[in-house]
Amino acid sequence: MRLNFKNTLNFFSAVIFVVLGLLMTGHAHSAPKTILVLGDSLSAEYGLTRGTGWVALLEKKLQEKKINARVINASISGETSSGGKTRLGALLKIHQPNIVIVELGGNDALRGLDLNVSEQNFRDMLNMTKASKAKPLLVAMQIPPNYGKAYTDKFFSMYAKLAKETQSALVPFFLKGVADKPEMFQPDRIHLTAEAHPTMLENVWGPLQKLLRK
């Protein structure tokens, strides 16, 4: 039996092409996603033992679920929306994240900052994130009623308004399930204890999980 050299060569070339294609596809699927957390003291483990805050718990959850993703925690205690906006550009360039979790605003309210300015800062951060091809996840906060009903209502509604406007994912309320439990707070009545952080993670996990699947 005589082998057709040209046909044999074409066959092996096709096999090599398919194998290389499969290898490249496998590599693409295995490339880890990067999650950037841009937050304040609630994400920076203020007053907590290292490794017990919700961001650290998120890293553990991703490992347990065998989700190939790394977490960059760029949170700073005392951070405001203005500070976050100032830092975000460099963070996007350095880390090139796939997902950006924006957990800010509490310090804006504590300082009584103009909410029109805060709103524009958030808008700019969400748009910067989308322009970098990353997916934003906006984490909504609420403030106590002693700030006045008008300010309190405008502050909370700002998050849903911006999420809708920029088509960003939203955590409806970061402290759902813990905000009404005094025993979950540290003595300063502002920061949460380690016992509250698993619940805080669960509040973030639902919307985040959807973004990880995309």
N, C-alpha and C. Protein backbone atom coordinates (compact mmCIF):
# COMPACT_ATOMS: atom_id res chain seq x y z
N MET A 1 0.85 -1.18 0.00
CA MET A 1 0.00 0.00 0.00
C MET A 1 0.89 1.24 0.00
N ARG A 2 0.62 2.19 -0.87
CA ARG A 2 1.42 3.41 -0.99
C ARG A 2 0.73 4.55 -0.24
N LEU A 3 1.52 5.23 0.57
CA LEU A 3 0.98 6.37 1.31
C LEU A 3 1.09 7.63 0.48
N ASN A 4 0.07 8.41 0.49
CA ASN A 4 0.09 9.70 -0.21
C ASN A 4 0.71 10.72 0.74
N PHE A 5 1.94 11.11 0.44
CA PHE A 5 2.69 11.99 1.34
C PHE A 5 1.98 13.31 1.57
N LYS A 6 1.39 13.87 0.52
CA LYS A 6 0.73 15.17 0.65
C LYS A 6 -0.48 15.07 1.56
N ASN A 7 -1.27 13.97 1.37
CA ASN A 7 -2.45 13.82 2.22
C ASN A 7 -2.07 13.57 3.68
N THR A 8 -1.00 12.78 3.88
CA THR A 8 -0.53 12.50 5.23
C THR A 8 -0.08 13.77 5.93
N LEU A 9 0.65 14.61 5.19
CA LEU A 9 1.12 15.86 5.74
C LEU A 9 -0.04 16.77 6.11
N ASN A 10 -1.04 16.84 5.25
CA ASN A 10 -2.22 17.66 5.52
C ASN A 10 -2.96 17.17 6.77
N PHE A 11 -3.01 15.83 6.91
CA PHE A 11 -3.70 15.25 8.05
C PHE A 11 -3.03 15.64 9.36
N PHE A 12 -1.70 15.45 9.41
CA PHE A 12 -0.98 15.78 10.63
C PHE A 12 -0.99 17.27 10.92
N SER A 13 -0.99 18.08 9.88
CA SER A 13 -1.07 19.53 10.08
C SER A 13 -2.40 19.90 10.72
N ALA A 14 -3.47 19.24 10.25
CA ALA A 14 -4.79 19.51 10.81
C ALA A 14 -4.87 19.09 12.27
N VAL A 15 -4.26 17.92 12.60
CA VAL A 15 -4.26 17.45 13.98
C VAL A 15 -3.53 18.43 14.88
N ILE A 16 -2.35 18.89 14.43
CA ILE A 16 -1.55 19.85 15.22
C ILE A 16 -2.34 21.13 15.43
N PHE A 17 -3.04 21.59 14.39
CA PHE A 17 -3.83 22.83 14.49
C PHE A 17 -4.93 22.70 15.53
N VAL A 18 -5.61 21.53 15.53
CA VAL A 18 -6.69 21.30 16.50
C VAL A 18 -6.14 21.25 17.91
N VAL A 19 -5.01 20.54 18.10
CA VAL A 19 -4.42 20.41 19.43
C VAL A 19 -4.00 21.77 19.97
N LEU A 20 -3.36 22.57 19.12
CA LEU A 20 -2.94 23.90 19.54
C LEU A 20 -4.15 24.77 19.91
N GLY A 21 -5.21 24.63 19.13
CA GLY A 21 -6.42 25.38 19.41
C GLY A 21 -7.01 25.02 20.76
N LEU A 22 -7.01 23.72 21.07
CA LEU A 22 -7.53 23.26 22.36
C LEU A 22 -6.67 23.76 23.51
N LEU A 23 -5.35 23.74 23.30
CA LEU A 23 -4.44 24.22 24.34
C LEU A 23 -4.64 25.69 24.61
N MET A 24 -4.81 26.46 23.53
CA MET A 24 -5.01 27.90 23.68
C MET A 24 -6.33 28.20 24.37
N THR A 25 -7.36 27.42 24.03
CA THR A 25 -8.67 27.60 24.66
C THR A 25 -8.59 27.28 26.14
N GLY A 26 -7.90 26.19 26.47
CA GLY A 26 -7.75 25.80 27.86
C GLY A 26 -7.02 26.85 28.65
N HIS A 27 -6.00 27.46 28.02
CA HIS A 27 -5.25 28.50 28.70
C HIS A 27 -6.13 29.72 28.97
N ALA A 28 -6.97 30.06 27.99
CA ALA A 28 -7.85 31.22 28.15
C ALA A 28 -8.82 31.01 29.29
N HIS A 29 -9.34 29.76 29.39
CA HIS A 29 -10.31 29.49 30.44
C HIS A 29 -9.65 29.44 31.81
N SER A 30 -8.35 29.10 31.86
CA SER A 30 -7.68 28.96 33.14
C SER A 30 -7.11 30.29 33.64
N ALA A 31 -7.09 31.30 32.78
CA ALA A 31 -6.55 32.59 33.20
C ALA A 31 -7.39 33.13 34.36
N PRO A 32 -6.76 33.47 35.47
CA PRO A 32 -7.52 33.94 36.64
C PRO A 32 -8.14 35.31 36.41
N LYS A 33 -9.32 35.48 36.98
CA LYS A 33 -9.94 36.80 36.98
C LYS A 33 -9.35 37.60 38.15
N THR A 34 -9.31 38.90 38.00
CA THR A 34 -8.82 39.77 39.06
C THR A 34 -9.96 40.63 39.57
N ILE A 35 -10.18 40.58 40.88
CA ILE A 35 -11.22 41.37 41.53
C ILE A 35 -10.53 42.46 42.35
N LEU A 36 -10.82 43.70 42.03
CA LEU A 36 -10.27 44.83 42.77
C LEU A 36 -11.33 45.37 43.73
N VAL A 37 -10.98 45.48 45.00
CA VAL A 37 -11.89 46.03 46.00
C VAL A 37 -11.41 47.43 46.36
N LEU A 38 -12.22 48.42 46.06
CA LEU A 38 -11.91 49.81 46.37
C LEU A 38 -12.87 50.25 47.48
N GLY A 39 -12.40 50.19 48.71
CA GLY A 39 -13.30 50.43 49.82
C GLY A 39 -12.70 51.29 50.92
N ASP A 40 -13.43 51.37 52.02
CA ASP A 40 -12.99 52.13 53.19
C ASP A 40 -12.71 51.17 54.33
N SER A 41 -12.85 51.65 55.57
CA SER A 41 -12.50 50.84 56.74
C SER A 41 -13.32 49.55 56.85
N LEU A 42 -14.53 49.55 56.30
CA LEU A 42 -15.36 48.34 56.36
C LEU A 42 -14.77 47.21 55.54
N SER A 43 -13.92 47.56 54.59
CA SER A 43 -13.25 46.55 53.76
C SER A 43 -11.77 46.42 54.09
N ALA A 44 -11.27 47.30 54.96
CA ALA A 44 -9.84 47.31 55.29
C ALA A 44 -9.55 46.64 56.64
N GLU A 45 -10.53 45.93 57.18
CA GLU A 45 -10.37 45.19 58.44
C GLU A 45 -10.03 46.10 59.62
N TYR A 46 -10.64 47.27 59.67
CA TYR A 46 -10.40 48.19 60.79
C TYR A 46 -10.87 47.55 62.09
N GLY A 47 -9.97 47.49 63.08
CA GLY A 47 -10.31 46.95 64.38
C GLY A 47 -10.45 45.44 64.43
N LEU A 48 -10.07 44.76 63.35
CA LEU A 48 -10.24 43.31 63.27
C LEU A 48 -8.89 42.60 63.21
N THR A 49 -8.89 41.36 63.61
CA THR A 49 -7.72 40.51 63.40
C THR A 49 -7.57 40.27 61.91
N ARG A 50 -6.37 40.38 61.39
CA ARG A 50 -6.14 40.18 59.97
C ARG A 50 -6.65 38.81 59.52
N GLY A 51 -7.35 38.81 58.38
CA GLY A 51 -7.87 37.57 57.82
C GLY A 51 -9.30 37.28 58.22
N THR A 52 -9.93 38.19 59.00
CA THR A 52 -11.30 37.93 59.45
C THR A 52 -12.32 38.85 58.79
N GLY A 53 -11.86 39.82 58.00
CA GLY A 53 -12.78 40.73 57.29
C GLY A 53 -13.39 40.08 56.08
N TRP A 54 -14.42 40.70 55.52
CA TRP A 54 -15.17 40.08 54.42
C TRP A 54 -14.33 39.89 53.17
N VAL A 55 -13.34 40.74 52.93
CA VAL A 55 -12.51 40.57 51.73
C VAL A 55 -11.63 39.31 51.86
N ALA A 56 -11.06 39.12 53.04
CA ALA A 56 -10.28 37.90 53.28
C ALA A 56 -11.16 36.66 53.19
N LEU A 57 -12.38 36.78 53.71
CA LEU A 57 -13.32 35.66 53.62
C LEU A 57 -13.72 35.38 52.18
N LEU A 58 -13.77 36.44 51.35
CA LEU A 58 -14.05 36.26 49.93
C LEU A 58 -12.96 35.44 49.27
N GLU A 59 -11.72 35.73 49.59
CA GLU A 59 -10.61 34.96 49.01
C GLU A 59 -10.73 33.48 49.36
N LYS A 60 -11.08 33.20 50.61
CA LYS A 60 -11.25 31.82 51.05
C LYS A 60 -12.41 31.16 50.32
N LYS A 61 -13.49 31.89 50.13
CA LYS A 61 -14.67 31.34 49.47
C LYS A 61 -14.36 31.00 48.01
N LEU A 62 -13.62 31.85 47.35
CA LEU A 62 -13.23 31.59 45.96
C LEU A 62 -12.38 30.32 45.87
N GLN A 63 -11.48 30.14 46.83
CA GLN A 63 -10.64 28.94 46.85
C GLN A 63 -11.48 27.70 47.10
N GLU A 64 -12.40 27.80 48.06
CA GLU A 64 -13.25 26.65 48.39
C GLU A 64 -14.10 26.23 47.20
N LYS A 65 -14.57 27.20 46.43
CA LYS A 65 -15.43 26.91 45.29
C LYS A 65 -14.62 26.66 44.02
N LYS A 66 -13.28 26.68 44.18
CA LYS A 66 -12.37 26.42 43.05
C LYS A 66 -12.62 27.39 41.89
N ILE A 67 -12.87 28.63 42.25
CA ILE A 67 -13.02 29.70 41.26
C ILE A 67 -11.67 30.37 41.08
N ASN A 68 -11.18 30.38 39.86
CA ASN A 68 -9.84 30.89 39.58
C ASN A 68 -9.87 32.42 39.53
N ALA A 69 -9.73 33.02 40.68
CA ALA A 69 -9.77 34.48 40.77
C ALA A 69 -8.88 34.95 41.91
N ARG A 70 -8.26 36.08 41.73
CA ARG A 70 -7.44 36.68 42.79
C ARG A 70 -8.09 38.00 43.21
N VAL A 71 -7.86 38.37 44.45
CA VAL A 71 -8.48 39.57 45.01
C VAL A 71 -7.39 40.57 45.38
N ILE A 72 -7.53 41.79 44.89
CA ILE A 72 -6.65 42.89 45.26
C ILE A 72 -7.44 43.83 46.16
N ASN A 73 -7.05 43.93 47.42
CA ASN A 73 -7.76 44.80 48.35
C ASN A 73 -7.05 46.15 48.44
N ALA A 74 -7.63 47.15 47.78
CA ALA A 74 -7.05 48.49 47.76
C ALA A 74 -7.82 49.43 48.68
N SER A 75 -8.41 48.86 49.73
CA SER A 75 -9.23 49.65 50.65
C SER A 75 -8.37 50.38 51.68
N ILE A 76 -8.80 51.56 52.05
CA ILE A 76 -8.09 52.39 53.02
C ILE A 76 -9.10 52.94 54.03
N SER A 77 -8.79 52.81 55.30
CA SER A 77 -9.66 53.37 56.33
C SER A 77 -9.76 54.89 56.15
N GLY A 78 -10.98 55.40 56.26
CA GLY A 78 -11.20 56.83 56.12
C GLY A 78 -11.39 57.29 54.69
N GLU A 79 -11.33 56.37 53.73
CA GLU A 79 -11.43 56.75 52.32
C GLU A 79 -12.81 57.31 51.98
N THR A 80 -12.81 58.33 51.13
CA THR A 80 -14.05 58.95 50.63
C THR A 80 -14.18 58.66 49.14
N SER A 81 -15.30 59.06 48.57
CA SER A 81 -15.49 58.87 47.13
C SER A 81 -14.46 59.69 46.35
N SER A 82 -14.08 60.85 46.86
CA SER A 82 -13.08 61.68 46.18
C SER A 82 -11.72 60.97 46.17
N GLY A 83 -11.34 60.40 47.31
CA GLY A 83 -10.07 59.67 47.38
C GLY A 83 -10.07 58.45 46.49
N GLY A 84 -11.19 57.73 46.49
CA GLY A 84 -11.30 56.55 45.64
C GLY A 84 -11.17 56.90 44.17
N LYS A 85 -11.83 57.96 43.79
CA LYS A 85 -11.77 58.41 42.39
C LYS A 85 -10.34 58.79 42.00
N THR A 86 -9.64 59.46 42.90
CA THR A 86 -8.26 59.88 42.63
C THR A 86 -7.34 58.68 42.44
N ARG A 87 -7.56 57.62 43.21
CA ARG A 87 -6.67 56.46 43.15
C ARG A 87 -7.03 55.46 42.06
N LEU A 88 -8.27 55.47 41.62
CA LEU A 88 -8.76 54.40 40.77
C LEU A 88 -8.01 54.27 39.45
N GLY A 89 -7.69 55.38 38.81
CA GLY A 89 -7.03 55.31 37.51
C GLY A 89 -5.76 54.50 37.55
N ALA A 90 -4.90 54.78 38.53
CA ALA A 90 -3.64 54.05 38.66
C ALA A 90 -3.88 52.58 38.99
N LEU A 91 -4.88 52.31 39.85
CA LEU A 91 -5.18 50.92 40.22
C LEU A 91 -5.64 50.11 39.01
N LEU A 92 -6.45 50.73 38.16
CA LEU A 92 -6.91 50.04 36.95
C LEU A 92 -5.74 49.72 36.03
N LYS A 93 -4.83 50.65 35.92
CA LYS A 93 -3.68 50.47 35.04
C LYS A 93 -2.73 49.40 35.57
N ILE A 94 -2.50 49.41 36.88
CA ILE A 94 -1.55 48.47 37.48
C ILE A 94 -2.10 47.04 37.51
N HIS A 95 -3.34 46.90 37.96
CA HIS A 95 -3.89 45.56 38.21
C HIS A 95 -4.75 45.01 37.07
N GLN A 96 -5.23 45.86 36.18
CA GLN A 96 -6.07 45.44 35.06
C GLN A 96 -7.15 44.45 35.50
N PRO A 97 -8.00 44.87 36.44
CA PRO A 97 -9.00 43.95 36.99
C PRO A 97 -10.12 43.63 36.00
N ASN A 98 -10.77 42.50 36.26
CA ASN A 98 -11.96 42.12 35.51
C ASN A 98 -13.22 42.66 36.18
N ILE A 99 -13.15 42.77 37.51
CA ILE A 99 -14.28 43.24 38.31
C ILE A 99 -13.76 44.26 39.33
N VAL A 100 -14.49 45.35 39.50
CA VAL A 100 -14.12 46.36 40.51
C VAL A 100 -15.30 46.53 41.47
N ILE A 101 -15.07 46.22 42.74
CA ILE A 101 -16.08 46.39 43.77
C ILE A 101 -15.85 47.75 44.42
N VAL A 102 -16.82 48.64 44.30
CA VAL A 102 -16.71 49.99 44.87
C VAL A 102 -17.54 50.05 46.15
N GLU A 103 -16.85 50.06 47.29
CA GLU A 103 -17.51 50.10 48.60
C GLU A 103 -17.08 51.39 49.30
N LEU A 104 -17.76 52.46 48.99
CA LEU A 104 -17.41 53.77 49.53
C LEU A 104 -18.69 54.58 49.81
N GLY A 105 -18.51 55.72 50.45
CA GLY A 105 -19.64 56.61 50.68
C GLY A 105 -19.91 56.89 52.14
N GLY A 106 -19.61 55.92 53.01
CA GLY A 106 -19.88 56.11 54.42
C GLY A 106 -19.16 57.31 55.00
N ASN A 107 -17.90 57.49 54.60
CA ASN A 107 -17.13 58.63 55.12
C ASN A 107 -17.58 59.95 54.51
N ASP A 108 -18.12 59.91 53.30
CA ASP A 108 -18.71 61.12 52.72
C ASP A 108 -19.83 61.62 53.63
N ALA A 109 -20.68 60.68 54.06
CA ALA A 109 -21.82 61.05 54.90
C ALA A 109 -21.37 61.51 56.29
N LEU A 110 -20.40 60.78 56.87
CA LEU A 110 -19.92 61.14 58.20
C LEU A 110 -19.37 62.56 58.23
N ARG A 111 -18.81 62.99 57.11
CA ARG A 111 -18.23 64.33 57.03
C ARG A 111 -19.22 65.36 56.49
N GLY A 112 -20.42 64.88 56.18
CA GLY A 112 -21.45 65.80 55.69
C GLY A 112 -21.11 66.41 54.34
N LEU A 113 -20.44 65.65 53.49
CA LEU A 113 -20.03 66.18 52.20
C LEU A 113 -21.24 66.38 51.28
N ASP A 114 -21.10 67.29 50.35
CA ASP A 114 -22.15 67.56 49.36
C ASP A 114 -22.42 66.30 48.56
N LEU A 115 -23.64 65.80 48.62
CA LEU A 115 -23.95 64.54 47.94
C LEU A 115 -23.94 64.68 46.42
N ASN A 116 -24.09 65.88 45.90
CA ASN A 116 -23.96 66.06 44.45
C ASN A 116 -22.53 65.77 44.01
N VAL A 117 -21.57 66.17 44.85
CA VAL A 117 -20.17 65.88 44.56
C VAL A 117 -19.90 64.39 44.68
N SER A 118 -20.43 63.78 45.75
CA SER A 118 -20.26 62.34 45.94
C SER A 118 -20.84 61.57 44.76
N GLU A 119 -22.03 61.96 44.35
CA GLU A 119 -22.69 61.27 43.24
C GLU A 119 -21.85 61.34 41.98
N GLN A 120 -21.27 62.50 41.69
CA GLN A 120 -20.44 62.63 40.50
C GLN A 120 -19.16 61.80 40.63
N ASN A 121 -18.62 61.73 41.83
CA ASN A 121 -17.43 60.90 42.04
C ASN A 121 -17.73 59.43 41.74
N PHE A 122 -18.86 58.95 42.25
CA PHE A 122 -19.25 57.57 41.99
C PHE A 122 -19.50 57.36 40.49
N ARG A 123 -20.16 58.29 39.87
CA ARG A 123 -20.44 58.19 38.43
C ARG A 123 -19.13 58.07 37.64
N ASP A 124 -18.17 58.91 38.01
CA ASP A 124 -16.88 58.88 37.33
C ASP A 124 -16.17 57.55 37.56
N MET A 125 -16.22 57.03 38.78
CA MET A 125 -15.56 55.75 39.07
C MET A 125 -16.18 54.60 38.29
N LEU A 126 -17.49 54.58 38.23
CA LEU A 126 -18.18 53.51 37.49
C LEU A 126 -17.86 53.60 36.00
N ASN A 127 -17.86 54.82 35.47
CA ASN A 127 -17.55 54.98 34.05
C ASN A 127 -16.09 54.68 33.74
N MET A 128 -15.19 55.04 34.64
CA MET A 128 -13.78 54.70 34.47
C MET A 128 -13.59 53.19 34.43
N THR A 129 -14.30 52.52 35.32
CA THR A 129 -14.20 51.06 35.38
C THR A 129 -14.70 50.42 34.09
N LYS A 130 -15.83 50.88 33.61
CA LYS A 130 -16.39 50.32 32.37
C LYS A 130 -15.50 50.65 31.18
N ALA A 131 -14.90 51.84 31.17
CA ALA A 131 -14.01 52.22 30.07
C ALA A 131 -12.77 51.33 30.02
N SER A 132 -12.38 50.77 31.18
CA SER A 132 -11.23 49.88 31.23
C SER A 132 -11.60 48.44 30.88
N LYS A 133 -12.87 48.22 30.53
CA LYS A 133 -13.40 46.90 30.18
C LYS A 133 -13.63 46.01 31.41
N ALA A 134 -13.57 46.59 32.60
CA ALA A 134 -13.88 45.83 33.81
C ALA A 134 -15.36 46.01 34.14
N LYS A 135 -15.88 45.10 34.96
CA LYS A 135 -17.29 45.17 35.38
C LYS A 135 -17.37 45.77 36.78
N PRO A 136 -18.11 46.86 36.95
CA PRO A 136 -18.24 47.46 38.28
C PRO A 136 -19.34 46.82 39.11
N LEU A 137 -19.09 46.74 40.40
CA LEU A 137 -20.10 46.30 41.37
C LEU A 137 -20.16 47.36 42.46
N LEU A 138 -21.26 48.09 42.50
CA LEU A 138 -21.44 49.18 43.43
C LEU A 138 -22.11 48.67 44.70
N VAL A 139 -21.52 48.97 45.84
CA VAL A 139 -22.01 48.49 47.13
C VAL A 139 -22.73 49.62 47.85
N ALA A 140 -24.03 49.46 48.06
CA ALA A 140 -24.84 50.53 48.65
C ALA A 140 -24.76 50.53 50.17
N MET A 141 -24.73 51.74 50.71
CA MET A 141 -24.72 51.93 52.16
C MET A 141 -25.93 52.75 52.58
N GLN A 142 -26.25 52.67 53.85
CA GLN A 142 -27.26 53.53 54.46
C GLN A 142 -26.62 54.24 55.64
N ILE A 143 -27.21 55.38 56.02
CA ILE A 143 -26.71 56.12 57.18
C ILE A 143 -27.85 56.32 58.18
N PRO A 144 -27.51 56.56 59.44
CA PRO A 144 -28.54 56.72 60.47
C PRO A 144 -29.46 57.92 60.18
N PRO A 145 -30.68 57.87 60.67
CA PRO A 145 -31.66 58.94 60.40
C PRO A 145 -31.32 60.28 61.04
N ASN A 146 -30.35 60.30 61.96
CA ASN A 146 -30.02 61.57 62.63
C ASN A 146 -29.34 62.57 61.70
N TYR A 147 -29.03 62.15 60.48
CA TYR A 147 -28.47 63.08 59.49
C TYR A 147 -29.56 63.90 58.82
N GLY A 148 -30.80 63.57 59.12
CA GLY A 148 -31.92 64.27 58.50
C GLY A 148 -32.51 63.43 57.39
N LYS A 149 -33.82 63.42 57.28
CA LYS A 149 -34.50 62.55 56.31
C LYS A 149 -34.10 62.85 54.87
N ALA A 150 -34.02 64.12 54.52
CA ALA A 150 -33.70 64.48 53.13
C ALA A 150 -32.31 63.97 52.75
N TYR A 151 -31.32 64.20 53.61
CA TYR A 151 -29.94 63.78 53.34
C TYR A 151 -29.85 62.25 53.33
N THR A 152 -30.49 61.62 54.31
CA THR A 152 -30.45 60.15 54.42
C THR A 152 -31.07 59.49 53.20
N ASP A 153 -32.23 59.97 52.78
CA ASP A 153 -32.91 59.38 51.64
C ASP A 153 -32.12 59.59 50.34
N LYS A 154 -31.59 60.79 50.17
CA LYS A 154 -30.83 61.09 48.96
C LYS A 154 -29.56 60.24 48.90
N PHE A 155 -28.93 60.07 50.06
CA PHE A 155 -27.70 59.26 50.12
C PHE A 155 -27.98 57.82 49.68
N PHE A 156 -28.98 57.20 50.26
CA PHE A 156 -29.25 55.79 49.95
C PHE A 156 -29.73 55.61 48.51
N SER A 157 -30.60 56.49 48.05
CA SER A 157 -31.14 56.34 46.69
C SER A 157 -30.08 56.60 45.61
N MET A 158 -29.01 57.28 45.98
CA MET A 158 -27.93 57.59 45.04
C MET A 158 -27.35 56.33 44.42
N TYR A 159 -27.21 55.29 45.20
CA TYR A 159 -26.57 54.06 44.72
C TYR A 159 -27.40 53.38 43.63
N ALA A 160 -28.67 53.17 43.90
CA ALA A 160 -29.54 52.52 42.91
C ALA A 160 -29.66 53.38 41.65
N LYS A 161 -29.74 54.68 41.84
CA LYS A 161 -29.83 55.60 40.70
C LYS A 161 -28.61 55.46 39.79
N LEU A 162 -27.42 55.45 40.39
CA LEU A 162 -26.20 55.36 39.60
C LEU A 162 -26.01 53.99 38.96
N ALA A 163 -26.39 52.94 39.69
CA ALA A 163 -26.28 51.59 39.13
C ALA A 163 -27.15 51.46 37.88
N LYS A 164 -28.35 52.02 37.95
CA LYS A 164 -29.25 51.97 36.81
C LYS A 164 -28.72 52.83 35.67
N GLU A 165 -28.27 54.02 35.99
CA GLU A 165 -27.78 54.95 34.98
C GLU A 165 -26.58 54.41 34.22
N THR A 166 -25.65 53.77 34.95
CA THR A 166 -24.42 53.28 34.33
C THR A 166 -24.48 51.79 33.98
N GLN A 167 -25.63 51.17 34.25
CA GLN A 167 -25.80 49.73 34.00
C GLN A 167 -24.74 48.92 34.73
N SER A 168 -24.58 49.25 36.00
CA SER A 168 -23.62 48.56 36.85
C SER A 168 -24.35 47.62 37.81
N ALA A 169 -23.67 46.55 38.21
CA ALA A 169 -24.24 45.64 39.20
C ALA A 169 -24.29 46.34 40.56
N LEU A 170 -25.25 45.92 41.39
CA LEU A 170 -25.47 46.61 42.66
C LEU A 170 -25.66 45.62 43.81
N VAL A 171 -25.00 45.91 44.93
CA VAL A 171 -25.34 45.27 46.20
C VAL A 171 -26.33 46.20 46.88
N PRO A 172 -27.60 45.81 47.02
CA PRO A 172 -28.64 46.74 47.50
C PRO A 172 -28.36 47.37 48.85
N PHE A 173 -27.77 46.61 49.79
CA PHE A 173 -27.41 47.17 51.09
C PHE A 173 -26.34 46.29 51.70
N PHE A 174 -25.15 46.86 51.86
CA PHE A 174 -23.99 46.12 52.33
C PHE A 174 -24.20 45.51 53.71
N LEU A 175 -24.89 46.23 54.59
CA LEU A 175 -25.01 45.81 55.98
C LEU A 175 -26.36 45.15 56.29
N LYS A 176 -27.03 44.66 55.28
CA LYS A 176 -28.29 43.96 55.49
C LYS A 176 -28.06 42.77 56.43
N GLY A 177 -28.91 42.68 57.45
CA GLY A 177 -28.80 41.56 58.39
C GLY A 177 -27.89 41.82 59.57
N VAL A 178 -27.17 42.94 59.55
CA VAL A 178 -26.29 43.26 60.69
C VAL A 178 -26.49 44.69 61.21
N ALA A 179 -26.97 45.58 60.36
CA ALA A 179 -27.10 46.99 60.74
C ALA A 179 -28.04 47.20 61.93
N ASP A 180 -29.01 46.30 62.08
CA ASP A 180 -29.99 46.45 63.16
C ASP A 180 -29.65 45.59 64.38
N LYS A 181 -28.39 45.14 64.46
CA LYS A 181 -27.96 44.30 65.58
C LYS A 181 -26.81 44.97 66.31
N PRO A 182 -27.09 45.68 67.40
CA PRO A 182 -26.04 46.42 68.13
C PRO A 182 -24.85 45.55 68.53
N GLU A 183 -25.11 44.28 68.80
CA GLU A 183 -24.02 43.40 69.25
C GLU A 183 -23.01 43.11 68.15
N MET A 184 -23.35 43.44 66.92
CA MET A 184 -22.46 43.21 65.78
C MET A 184 -21.48 44.37 65.56
N PHE A 185 -21.59 45.42 66.38
CA PHE A 185 -20.74 46.60 66.20
C PHE A 185 -19.64 46.66 67.24
N GLN A 186 -18.52 47.25 66.82
CA GLN A 186 -17.44 47.54 67.75
C GLN A 186 -17.88 48.69 68.67
N PRO A 187 -17.13 48.96 69.74
CA PRO A 187 -17.52 50.00 70.69
C PRO A 187 -17.74 51.38 70.08
N ASP A 188 -17.14 51.66 68.91
CA ASP A 188 -17.33 52.98 68.30
C ASP A 188 -18.69 53.13 67.64
N ARG A 189 -19.45 52.02 67.55
CA ARG A 189 -20.79 52.00 66.96
C ARG A 189 -20.79 52.30 65.47
N ILE A 190 -19.63 52.26 64.85
CA ILE A 190 -19.51 52.51 63.41
C ILE A 190 -19.01 51.28 62.67
N HIS A 191 -17.98 50.67 63.22
CA HIS A 191 -17.37 49.53 62.55
C HIS A 191 -17.92 48.21 63.08
N LEU A 192 -17.93 47.23 62.20
CA LEU A 192 -18.52 45.93 62.54
C LEU A 192 -17.50 44.98 63.15
N THR A 193 -17.98 44.06 63.97
CA THR A 193 -17.12 43.03 64.54
C THR A 193 -16.89 41.93 63.50
N ALA A 194 -15.95 41.06 63.78
CA ALA A 194 -15.65 39.95 62.87
C ALA A 194 -16.88 39.07 62.65
N GLU A 195 -17.74 38.96 63.66
CA GLU A 195 -18.93 38.11 63.55
C GLU A 195 -19.89 38.61 62.48
N ALA A 196 -19.82 39.88 62.13
CA ALA A 196 -20.72 40.44 61.12
C ALA A 196 -20.23 40.22 59.69
N HIS A 197 -18.95 40.00 59.54
CA HIS A 197 -18.38 39.99 58.19
C HIS A 197 -18.80 38.82 57.30
N PRO A 198 -19.08 37.63 57.83
CA PRO A 198 -19.62 36.59 56.94
C PRO A 198 -20.95 37.01 56.30
N THR A 199 -21.80 37.70 57.06
CA THR A 199 -23.07 38.19 56.51
C THR A 199 -22.82 39.26 55.46
N MET A 200 -21.88 40.14 55.73
CA MET A 200 -21.53 41.18 54.76
C MET A 200 -21.04 40.55 53.46
N LEU A 201 -20.23 39.50 53.58
CA LEU A 201 -19.75 38.79 52.38
C LEU A 201 -20.92 38.21 51.60
N GLU A 202 -21.86 37.60 52.30
CA GLU A 202 -23.01 37.00 51.61
C GLU A 202 -23.81 38.06 50.87
N ASN A 203 -23.88 39.26 51.41
CA ASN A 203 -24.60 40.34 50.73
C ASN A 203 -23.91 40.72 49.42
N VAL A 204 -22.60 40.60 49.40
CA VAL A 204 -21.83 40.91 48.19
C VAL A 204 -21.81 39.73 47.23
N TRP A 205 -21.81 38.53 47.77
CA TRP A 205 -21.56 37.34 46.98
C TRP A 205 -22.59 37.12 45.87
N GLY A 206 -23.85 37.34 46.14
CA GLY A 206 -24.88 37.10 45.11
C GLY A 206 -24.60 37.87 43.83
N PRO A 207 -24.53 39.20 43.88
CA PRO A 207 -24.24 39.97 42.66
C PRO A 207 -22.85 39.67 42.09
N LEU A 208 -21.86 39.45 42.96
CA LEU A 208 -20.51 39.17 42.48
C LEU A 208 -20.45 37.86 41.72
N GLN A 209 -21.14 36.87 42.23
CA GLN A 209 -21.14 35.55 41.58
C GLN A 209 -21.66 35.64 40.15
N LYS A 210 -22.65 36.48 39.93
CA LYS A 210 -23.19 36.66 38.57
C LYS A 210 -22.15 37.27 37.65
N LEU A 211 -21.36 38.20 38.17
CA LEU A 211 -20.33 38.82 37.34
C LEU A 211 -19.21 37.82 37.04
N LEU A 212 -18.90 36.95 37.99
CA LEU A 212 -17.84 35.96 37.77
C LEU A 212 -18.23 34.95 36.70
N ARG A 213 -19.52 34.75 36.51
CA ARG A 213 -19.99 33.78 35.51
C ARG A 213 -19.97 34.34 34.10
N LYS A 214 -19.89 35.67 33.97
CA LYS A 214 -19.93 36.31 32.65
C LYS A 214 -18.57 36.26 31.98
